[in-house]
Each structure stands twice: as C-alpha cells, then as structure tokens.
Amino acid sequence: MKPWLTVGEGAEYANVSRDTIYSWVDKTDIPAHKVGRLWKFRKEEVDAWVRSGQASAKSKRTKPQRSR
C-alpha cells in the first residue's frame, strides 16, 4: 500500500467528491499534510479521525452569517 493518499485517492477511499475533501481540509480537523502545493493523507490517520467521531463534528471554522 502507498504510504500517502492524494486528494483524488482520498476522495475515492472515502466515497466522496474531491470538493468534499477540500472542504474538509478547510473546515474540519481532518489529518492532512501539505507537501509542497499538494495535500496528502495517511489512510490510517483518516480512519482514526472517522472512528473518533471528528468526521461528523462541527467545522473548526465558523463563517459569519450574512444578514439578508
């Protein structure tokens, strides 16, 4: 097995879109490592993140809501 997953491989592994992976990187504490310009993931760390319940927790960043 490869030691690192790319965004595309991580999306395929998690059965989500690449956009979802980028959203998780931006809005949650998914264990991701930036290598140069690329995001990389360790399968074991992502599995542990999901098992810990953090994958379903609220985002780490809250954006101010716009008033209408």
PDB file of N, CA and C in Angstrom:
ATOM      1  N   MET A   1       0.831  -1.180   0.000  1.00  0.00           N
ATOM      2  CA  MET A   1       0.000   0.000   0.000  1.00  0.00           C
ATOM      3  C   MET A   1       0.876   1.244   0.000  1.00  0.00           C
ATOM      4  N   LYS A   2       0.425   2.269  -0.704  1.00  0.00           N
ATOM      5  CA  LYS A   2       1.162   3.521  -0.731  1.00  0.00           C
ATOM      6  C   LYS A   2       1.049   4.202   0.637  1.00  0.00           C
ATOM      7  N   PRO A   3       2.138   4.805   1.101  1.00  0.00           N
ATOM      8  CA  PRO A   3       2.090   5.445   2.414  1.00  0.00           C
ATOM      9  C   PRO A   3       1.235   6.710   2.442  1.00  0.00           C
ATOM     10  N   TRP A   4       1.036   7.368   1.315  1.00  0.00           N
ATOM     11  CA  TRP A   4       0.275   8.614   1.255  1.00  0.00           C
ATOM     12  C   TRP A   4      -0.830   8.504   0.215  1.00  0.00           C
ATOM     13  N   LEU A   5      -1.987   9.098   0.522  1.00  0.00           N
ATOM     14  CA  LEU A   5      -3.074   9.190  -0.438  1.00  0.00           C
ATOM     15  C   LEU A   5      -3.119  10.616  -0.985  1.00  0.00           C
ATOM     16  N   THR A   6      -3.392  10.754  -2.265  1.00  0.00           N
ATOM     17  CA  THR A   6      -3.612  12.071  -2.857  1.00  0.00           C
ATOM     18  C   THR A   6      -5.053  12.485  -2.564  1.00  0.00           C
ATOM     19  N   VAL A   7      -5.416  13.693  -2.933  1.00  0.00           N
ATOM     20  CA  VAL A   7      -6.796  14.148  -2.748  1.00  0.00           C
ATOM     21  C   VAL A   7      -7.755  13.237  -3.513  1.00  0.00           C
ATOM     22  N   GLY A   8      -7.412  12.913  -4.742  1.00  0.00           N
ATOM     23  CA  GLY A   8      -8.268  12.038  -5.542  1.00  0.00           C
ATOM     24  C   GLY A   8      -8.411  10.650  -4.938  1.00  0.00           C
ATOM     25  N   GLU A   9      -7.303  10.088  -4.468  1.00  0.00           N
ATOM     26  CA  GLU A   9      -7.346   8.763  -3.846  1.00  0.00           C
ATOM     27  C   GLU A   9      -8.117   8.809  -2.524  1.00  0.00           C
ATOM     28  N   GLY A  10      -7.939   9.900  -1.772  1.00  0.00           N
ATOM     29  CA  GLY A  10      -8.672  10.057  -0.514  1.00  0.00           C
ATOM     30  C   GLY A  10     -10.161  10.174  -0.761  1.00  0.00           C
ATOM     31  N   ALA A  11     -10.540  10.898  -1.808  1.00  0.00           N
ATOM     32  CA  ALA A  11     -11.950  11.026  -2.156  1.00  0.00           C
ATOM     33  C   ALA A  11     -12.536   9.681  -2.548  1.00  0.00           C
ATOM     34  N   GLU A  12     -11.788   8.937  -3.341  1.00  0.00           N
ATOM     35  CA  GLU A  12     -12.253   7.606  -3.746  1.00  0.00           C
ATOM     36  C   GLU A  12     -12.363   6.685  -2.533  1.00  0.00           C
ATOM     37  N   TYR A  13     -11.382   6.714  -1.659  1.00  0.00           N
ATOM     38  CA  TYR A  13     -11.383   5.875  -0.469  1.00  0.00           C
ATOM     39  C   TYR A  13     -12.572   6.198   0.440  1.00  0.00           C
ATOM     40  N   ALA A  14     -12.868   7.498   0.602  1.00  0.00           N
ATOM     41  CA  ALA A  14     -13.954   7.924   1.484  1.00  0.00           C
ATOM     42  C   ALA A  14     -15.306   7.957   0.768  1.00  0.00           C
ATOM     43  N   ASN A  15     -15.296   7.676  -0.538  1.00  0.00           N
ATOM     44  CA  ASN A  15     -16.506   7.678  -1.343  1.00  0.00           C
ATOM     45  C   ASN A  15     -17.200   9.046  -1.317  1.00  0.00           C
ATOM     46  N   VAL A  16     -16.387  10.085  -1.468  1.00  0.00           N
ATOM     47  CA  VAL A  16     -16.887  11.461  -1.535  1.00  0.00           C
ATOM     48  C   VAL A  16     -16.192  12.150  -2.705  1.00  0.00           C
ATOM     49  N   SER A  17     -16.626  13.364  -3.010  1.00  0.00           N
ATOM     50  CA  SER A  17     -16.008  14.097  -4.115  1.00  0.00           C
ATOM     51  C   SER A  17     -14.710  14.759  -3.669  1.00  0.00           C
ATOM     52  N   ARG A  18     -13.918  15.148  -4.645  1.00  0.00           N
ATOM     53  CA  ARG A  18     -12.688  15.891  -4.348  1.00  0.00           C
ATOM     54  C   ARG A  18     -13.030  17.214  -3.666  1.00  0.00           C
ATOM     55  N   ASP A  19     -14.136  17.830  -4.073  1.00  0.00           N
ATOM     56  CA  ASP A  19     -14.564  19.079  -3.443  1.00  0.00           C
ATOM     57  C   ASP A  19     -14.846  18.874  -1.954  1.00  0.00           C
ATOM     58  N   THR A  20     -15.424  17.739  -1.607  1.00  0.00           N
ATOM     59  CA  THR A  20     -15.683  17.431  -0.195  1.00  0.00           C
ATOM     60  C   THR A  20     -14.380  17.312   0.566  1.00  0.00           C
ATOM     61  N   ILE A  21     -13.391  16.665  -0.029  1.00  0.00           N
ATOM     62  CA  ILE A  21     -12.088  16.538   0.632  1.00  0.00           C
ATOM     63  C   ILE A  21     -11.502  17.926   0.886  1.00  0.00           C
ATOM     64  N   TYR A  22     -11.530  18.789  -0.129  1.00  0.00           N
ATOM     65  CA  TYR A  22     -11.001  20.143   0.053  1.00  0.00           C
ATOM     66  C   TYR A  22     -11.804  20.911   1.103  1.00  0.00           C
ATOM     67  N   SER A  23     -13.097  20.695   1.151  1.00  0.00           N
ATOM     68  CA  SER A  23     -13.927  21.337   2.167  1.00  0.00           C
ATOM     69  C   SER A  23     -13.541  20.848   3.563  1.00  0.00           C
ATOM     70  N   TRP A  24     -13.309  19.550   3.699  1.00  0.00           N
ATOM     71  CA  TRP A  24     -12.881  19.000   4.995  1.00  0.00           C
ATOM     72  C   TRP A  24     -11.540  19.598   5.412  1.00  0.00           C
ATOM     73  N   VAL A  25     -10.623  19.736   4.460  1.00  0.00           N
ATOM     74  CA  VAL A  25      -9.317  20.328   4.771  1.00  0.00           C
ATOM     75  C   VAL A  25      -9.509  21.749   5.288  1.00  0.00           C
ATOM     76  N   ASP A  26     -10.408  22.484   4.651  1.00  0.00           N
ATOM     77  CA  ASP A  26     -10.634  23.882   5.000  1.00  0.00           C
ATOM     78  C   ASP A  26     -11.443  24.055   6.283  1.00  0.00           C
ATOM     79  N   LYS A  27     -12.418  23.177   6.508  1.00  0.00           N
ATOM     80  CA  LYS A  27     -13.392  23.415   7.573  1.00  0.00           C
ATOM     81  C   LYS A  27     -13.344  22.451   8.750  1.00  0.00           C
ATOM     82  N   THR A  28     -12.567  21.404   8.676  1.00  0.00           N
ATOM     83  CA  THR A  28     -12.507  20.438   9.784  1.00  0.00           C
ATOM     84  C   THR A  28     -11.054  20.163  10.161  1.00  0.00           C
ATOM     85  N   ASP A  29     -10.885  19.293  11.100  1.00  0.00           N
ATOM     86  CA  ASP A  29      -9.546  18.907  11.552  1.00  0.00           C
ATOM     87  C   ASP A  29      -9.097  17.585  10.936  1.00  0.00           C
ATOM     88  N   ILE A  30      -9.494  17.332   9.688  1.00  0.00           N
ATOM     89  CA  ILE A  30      -9.056  16.093   9.034  1.00  0.00           C
ATOM     90  C   ILE A  30      -7.524  16.073   9.033  1.00  0.00           C
ATOM     91  N   PRO A  31      -6.936  14.944   9.355  1.00  0.00           N
ATOM     92  CA  PRO A  31      -5.473  14.868   9.371  1.00  0.00           C
ATOM     93  C   PRO A  31      -4.908  14.913   7.953  1.00  0.00           C
ATOM     94  N   ALA A  32      -4.473  16.077   7.545  1.00  0.00           N
ATOM     95  CA  ALA A  32      -3.937  16.285   6.206  1.00  0.00           C
ATOM     96  C   ALA A  32      -2.565  16.930   6.321  1.00  0.00           C
ATOM     97  N   HIS A  33      -1.724  16.619   5.369  1.00  0.00           N
ATOM     98  CA  HIS A  33      -0.359  17.137   5.357  1.00  0.00           C
ATOM     99  C   HIS A  33      -0.121  17.826   4.027  1.00  0.00           C
ATOM    100  N   LYS A  34       0.328  19.059   4.068  1.00  0.00           N
ATOM    101  CA  LYS A  34       0.627  19.782   2.835  1.00  0.00           C
ATOM    102  C   LYS A  34       2.073  19.494   2.453  1.00  0.00           C
ATOM    103  N   VAL A  35       2.243  18.944   1.284  1.00  0.00           N
ATOM    104  CA  VAL A  35       3.557  18.610   0.751  1.00  0.00           C
ATOM    105  C   VAL A  35       3.734  19.455  -0.508  1.00  0.00           C
ATOM    106  N   GLY A  36       4.503  20.517  -0.374  1.00  0.00           N
ATOM    107  CA  GLY A  36       4.585  21.469  -1.474  1.00  0.00           C
ATOM    108  C   GLY A  36       3.236  22.154  -1.628  1.00  0.00           C
ATOM    109  N   ARG A  37       2.660  22.050  -2.822  1.00  0.00           N
ATOM    110  CA  ARG A  37       1.330  22.614  -3.065  1.00  0.00           C
ATOM    111  C   ARG A  37       0.228  21.585  -2.907  1.00  0.00           C
ATOM    112  N   LEU A  38       0.585  20.334  -2.663  1.00  0.00           N
ATOM    113  CA  LEU A  38      -0.383  19.243  -2.659  1.00  0.00           C
ATOM    114  C   LEU A  38      -0.761  18.816  -1.247  1.00  0.00           C
ATOM    115  N   TRP A  39      -2.011  18.425  -1.070  1.00  0.00           N
ATOM    116  CA  TRP A  39      -2.463  17.842   0.187  1.00  0.00           C
ATOM    117  C   TRP A  39      -2.311  16.331   0.096  1.00  0.00           C
ATOM    118  N   LYS A  40      -1.798  15.730   1.156  1.00  0.00           N
ATOM    119  CA  LYS A  40      -1.624  14.274   1.234  1.00  0.00           C
ATOM    120  C   LYS A  40      -2.249  13.775   2.527  1.00  0.00           C
ATOM    121  N   PHE A  41      -2.644  12.515   2.517  1.00  0.00           N
ATOM    122  CA  PHE A  41      -3.321  11.905   3.657  1.00  0.00           C
ATOM    123  C   PHE A  41      -2.756  10.523   3.921  1.00  0.00           C
ATOM    124  N   ARG A  42      -2.689  10.162   5.184  1.00  0.00           N
ATOM    125  CA  ARG A  42      -2.350   8.787   5.559  1.00  0.00           C
ATOM    126  C   ARG A  42      -3.660   8.077   5.867  1.00  0.00           C
ATOM    127  N   LYS A  43      -3.869   6.945   5.213  1.00  0.00           N
ATOM    128  CA  LYS A  43      -5.114   6.199   5.361  1.00  0.00           C
ATOM    129  C   LYS A  43      -5.404   5.898   6.834  1.00  0.00           C
ATOM    130  N   GLU A  44      -4.386   5.501   7.574  1.00  0.00           N
ATOM    131  CA  GLU A  44      -4.571   5.143   8.981  1.00  0.00           C
ATOM    132  C   GLU A  44      -5.044   6.345   9.802  1.00  0.00           C
ATOM    133  N   GLU A  45      -4.519   7.531   9.503  1.00  0.00           N
ATOM    134  CA  GLU A  45      -4.912   8.737  10.236  1.00  0.00           C
ATOM    135  C   GLU A  45      -6.348   9.135   9.906  1.00  0.00           C
ATOM    136  N   VAL A  46      -6.720   9.000   8.648  1.00  0.00           N
ATOM    137  CA  VAL A  46      -8.097   9.316   8.256  1.00  0.00           C
ATOM    138  C   VAL A  46      -9.055   8.321   8.895  1.00  0.00           C
ATOM    139  N   ASP A  47      -8.699   7.039   8.900  1.00  0.00           N
ATOM    140  CA  ASP A  47      -9.546   6.028   9.552  1.00  0.00           C
ATOM    141  C   ASP A  47      -9.742   6.353  11.033  1.00  0.00           C
ATOM    142  N   ALA A  48      -8.670   6.712  11.714  1.00  0.00           N
ATOM    143  CA  ALA A  48      -8.757   7.054  13.137  1.00  0.00           C
ATOM    144  C   ALA A  48      -9.608   8.303  13.348  1.00  0.00           C
ATOM    145  N   TRP A  49      -9.500   9.271  12.451  1.00  0.00           N
ATOM    146  CA  TRP A  49     -10.282  10.511  12.520  1.00  0.00           C
ATOM    147  C   TRP A  49     -11.775  10.198  12.409  1.00  0.00           C
ATOM    148  N   VAL A  50     -12.123   9.322  11.477  1.00  0.00           N
ATOM    149  CA  VAL A  50     -13.530   8.935  11.301  1.00  0.00           C
ATOM    150  C   VAL A  50     -14.020   8.166  12.523  1.00  0.00           C
ATOM    151  N   ARG A  51     -13.229   7.197  12.998  1.00  0.00           N
ATOM    152  CA  ARG A  51     -13.627   6.394  14.169  1.00  0.00           C
ATOM    153  C   ARG A  51     -13.808   7.245  15.420  1.00  0.00           C
ATOM    154  N   SER A  52     -13.028   8.314  15.551  1.00  0.00           N
ATOM    155  CA  SER A  52     -13.104   9.164  16.745  1.00  0.00           C
ATOM    156  C   SER A  52     -14.363  10.026  16.764  1.00  0.00           C
ATOM    157  N   GLY A  53     -15.081  10.075  15.646  1.00  0.00           N
ATOM    158  CA  GLY A  53     -16.286  10.878  15.562  1.00  0.00           C
ATOM    159  C   GLY A  53     -16.043  12.290  15.094  1.00  0.00           C
ATOM    160  N   GLN A  54     -14.795  12.645  14.853  1.00  0.00           N
ATOM    161  CA  GLN A  54     -14.482  14.005  14.428  1.00  0.00           C
ATOM    162  C   GLN A  54     -14.980  14.294  13.017  1.00  0.00           C
ATOM    163  N   ALA A  55     -15.177  13.263  12.230  1.00  0.00           N
ATOM    164  CA  ALA A  55     -15.651  13.478  10.863  1.00  0.00           C
ATOM    165  C   ALA A  55     -17.066  14.034  10.847  1.00  0.00           C
ATOM    166  N   SER A  56     -17.833  13.763  11.882  1.00  0.00           N
ATOM    167  CA  SER A  56     -19.205  14.255  11.925  1.00  0.00           C
ATOM    168  C   SER A  56     -19.356  15.451  12.845  1.00  0.00           C
ATOM    169  N   ALA A  57     -18.256  15.908  13.452  1.00  0.00           N
ATOM    170  CA  ALA A  57     -18.301  17.071  14.343  1.00  0.00           C
ATOM    171  C   ALA A  57     -18.455  18.351  13.539  1.00  0.00           C
ATOM    172  N   LYS A  58     -18.839  19.413  14.221  1.00  0.00           N
ATOM    173  CA  LYS A  58     -18.976  20.706  13.556  1.00  0.00           C
ATOM    174  C   LYS A  58     -17.621  21.159  13.039  1.00  0.00           C
ATOM    175  N   SER A  59     -17.667  22.031  12.065  1.00  0.00           N
ATOM    176  CA  SER A  59     -16.428  22.520  11.474  1.00  0.00           C
ATOM    177  C   SER A  59     -15.613  23.319  12.478  1.00  0.00           C
ATOM    178  N   LYS A  60     -14.304  23.375  12.263  1.00  0.00           N
ATOM    179  CA  LYS A  60     -13.419  24.099  13.170  1.00  0.00           C
ATOM    180  C   LYS A  60     -13.491  25.594  12.941  1.00  0.00           C
ATOM    181  N   ARG A  61     -13.933  25.995  11.756  1.00  0.00           N
ATOM    182  CA  ARG A  61     -14.032  27.404  11.423  1.00  0.00           C
ATOM    183  C   ARG A  61     -15.500  27.747  11.221  1.00  0.00           C
ATOM    184  N   THR A  62     -15.895  28.829  11.801  1.00  0.00           N
ATOM    185  CA  THR A  62     -17.256  29.278  11.571  1.00  0.00           C
ATOM    186  C   THR A  62     -17.213  30.572  10.789  1.00  0.00           C
ATOM    187  N   LYS A  63     -17.958  30.628   9.749  1.00  0.00           N
ATOM    188  CA  LYS A  63     -18.007  31.817   8.927  1.00  0.00           C
ATOM    189  C   LYS A  63     -19.152  32.685   9.407  1.00  0.00           C
ATOM    190  N   PRO A  64     -18.957  33.987   9.439  1.00  0.00           N
ATOM    191  CA  PRO A  64     -20.072  34.850   9.843  1.00  0.00           C
ATOM    192  C   PRO A  64     -21.221  34.731   8.858  1.00  0.00           C
ATOM    193  N   GLN A  65     -22.414  34.682   9.379  1.00  0.00           N
ATOM    194  CA  GLN A  65     -23.583  34.588   8.520  1.00  0.00           C
ATOM    195  C   GLN A  65     -23.948  35.965   8.012  1.00  0.00           C
ATOM    196  N   ARG A  66     -24.333  36.004   6.753  1.00  0.00           N
ATOM    197  CA  ARG A  66     -24.736  37.270   6.146  1.00  0.00           C
ATOM    198  C   ARG A  66     -26.168  37.592   6.562  1.00  0.00           C
ATOM    199  N   SER A  67     -26.406  38.847   6.832  1.00  0.00           N
ATOM    200  CA  SER A  67     -27.781  39.245   7.103  1.00  0.00           C
ATOM    201  C   SER A  67     -28.463  39.547   5.781  1.00  0.00           C
ATOM    202  N   ARG A  68     -29.700  39.199   5.686  1.00  0.00           N
ATOM    203  CA  ARG A  68     -30.434  39.396   4.423  1.00  0.00           C
ATOM    204  C   ARG A  68     -31.350  40.569   4.519  1.00  0.00           C
TER     205      ARG A  68
END
